[in-house]
């Protein structure tokens, strides 16, 4: 999971003109650091078993990254509804 987050962060860093001020890049850097911290802490304490909790937190952060990416790179472009979501717009019928 951490490798995937890191790969996304690296890709955005290469694509962004100013990655040091890009909220999606900064958020992914924080998430990568948090995952690394958790991995090391669990190795030291041997607690483990909190994978579901960590996955939920990562999912929340990735949702924020999705919003940040939209706001930074696609501002003004209409957001497409997610698959499986009900479309309430009459023009979409």
Protein backbone atom coordinates (compact mmCIF):
# COMPACT_ATOMS: atom_id res chain seq x y z
CA UNK A 1 0.00 0.00 0.00
CA UNK A 2 2.78 2.41 0.91
CA UNK A 3 4.58 1.69 -2.36
CA UNK A 4 1.44 2.59 -4.34
CA UNK A 5 0.99 5.85 -2.43
CA UNK A 6 4.68 6.64 -2.96
CA UNK A 7 4.42 5.92 -6.69
CA UNK A 8 1.42 8.25 -6.99
CA UNK A 9 3.29 10.97 -5.11
CA UNK A 10 6.33 10.60 -7.39
CA UNK A 11 4.14 10.77 -10.49
CA UNK A 12 2.42 13.95 -9.32
CA UNK A 13 5.77 15.47 -8.36
CA UNK A 14 7.07 14.93 -11.89
CA UNK A 15 3.86 16.25 -13.48
CA UNK A 16 3.39 19.37 -11.35
CA UNK A 17 5.10 22.65 -12.21
CA UNK A 18 5.43 23.54 -8.53
CA UNK A 19 5.19 20.32 -6.45
CA UNK A 20 6.48 21.96 -3.26
CA UNK A 21 3.27 23.98 -3.09
CA UNK A 22 0.91 21.34 -4.49
CA UNK A 23 -1.57 20.17 -1.87
CA UNK A 24 -2.00 16.69 -3.45
CA UNK A 25 1.78 16.13 -3.41
CA UNK A 26 2.13 17.40 0.15
CA UNK A 27 -0.78 15.28 1.36
CA UNK A 28 0.72 12.17 -0.26
CA UNK A 29 4.10 12.93 1.33
CA UNK A 30 2.42 13.12 4.75
CA UNK A 31 0.51 9.90 4.08
CA UNK A 32 3.70 8.09 3.03
CA UNK A 33 5.47 9.30 6.18
CA UNK A 34 2.52 8.22 8.33
CA UNK A 35 2.47 4.75 6.78
CA UNK A 36 6.22 4.39 7.32
CA UNK A 37 5.86 5.52 10.94
CA UNK A 38 3.07 3.00 11.55
CA UNK A 39 5.10 0.21 9.96
CA UNK A 40 8.08 0.93 12.19
CA UNK A 41 5.95 1.34 15.31
CA UNK A 42 4.23 -1.99 14.71
CA UNK A 43 7.57 -3.72 14.18
CA UNK A 44 8.79 -2.38 17.51
CA UNK A 45 5.66 -3.22 19.48
CA UNK A 46 4.67 -6.32 17.48
CA UNK A 47 1.01 -5.31 17.78
CA UNK A 48 0.04 -5.67 14.11
CA UNK A 49 -3.49 -6.73 13.22
CA UNK A 50 -4.74 -3.19 12.59
CA UNK A 51 -4.76 -3.49 8.82
CA UNK A 52 -8.47 -2.71 8.44
CA UNK A 53 -8.10 0.48 10.49
CA UNK A 54 -5.06 1.59 8.50
CA UNK A 55 -6.83 0.84 5.19
CA UNK A 56 -9.83 2.95 6.27
CA UNK A 57 -7.56 5.88 7.15
CA UNK A 58 -5.68 5.57 3.86
CA UNK A 59 -9.00 5.48 2.00
CA UNK A 60 -10.08 8.72 3.69
CA UNK A 61 -6.77 10.40 2.84
CA UNK A 62 -6.90 9.20 -0.78
CA UNK A 63 -10.39 10.68 -1.03
CA UNK A 64 -8.92 14.01 0.07
CA UNK A 65 -6.11 13.60 -2.47
CA UNK A 66 -8.73 12.99 -5.17
CA UNK A 67 -10.47 16.24 -4.23
CA UNK A 68 -7.13 18.09 -4.10
CA UNK A 69 -6.16 16.78 -7.55
CA UNK A 70 -9.49 17.89 -8.96
CA UNK A 71 -9.20 21.34 -7.39
CA UNK A 72 -5.59 21.88 -8.47
CA UNK A 73 -5.49 20.34 -11.92
CA UNK A 74 -9.08 20.31 -13.13
CA UNK A 75 -10.58 23.40 -11.52
CA UNK A 76 -13.53 24.56 -13.53
CA UNK A 77 -14.01 21.20 -15.21
CA UNK A 78 -17.24 19.49 -14.14
CA UNK A 79 -16.78 16.47 -11.92
CA UNK A 80 -18.02 13.23 -13.38
CA UNK A 81 -20.30 11.23 -11.09
CA UNK A 82 -18.74 8.13 -9.60
CA UNK A 83 -19.69 4.80 -11.05
CA UNK A 84 -22.78 3.40 -9.43
CA UNK A 85 -23.97 6.75 -8.14
CA UNK A 86 -27.46 7.85 -9.01
CA UNK A 87 -27.62 10.68 -11.48
CA UNK A 88 -30.29 13.18 -10.58
CA UNK A 89 -29.73 15.61 -13.42
CA UNK A 90 -32.62 15.60 -15.91
CA UNK A 91 -30.23 16.54 -18.70
CA UNK A 92 -28.35 13.26 -18.22
CA UNK A 93 -31.41 11.16 -19.11
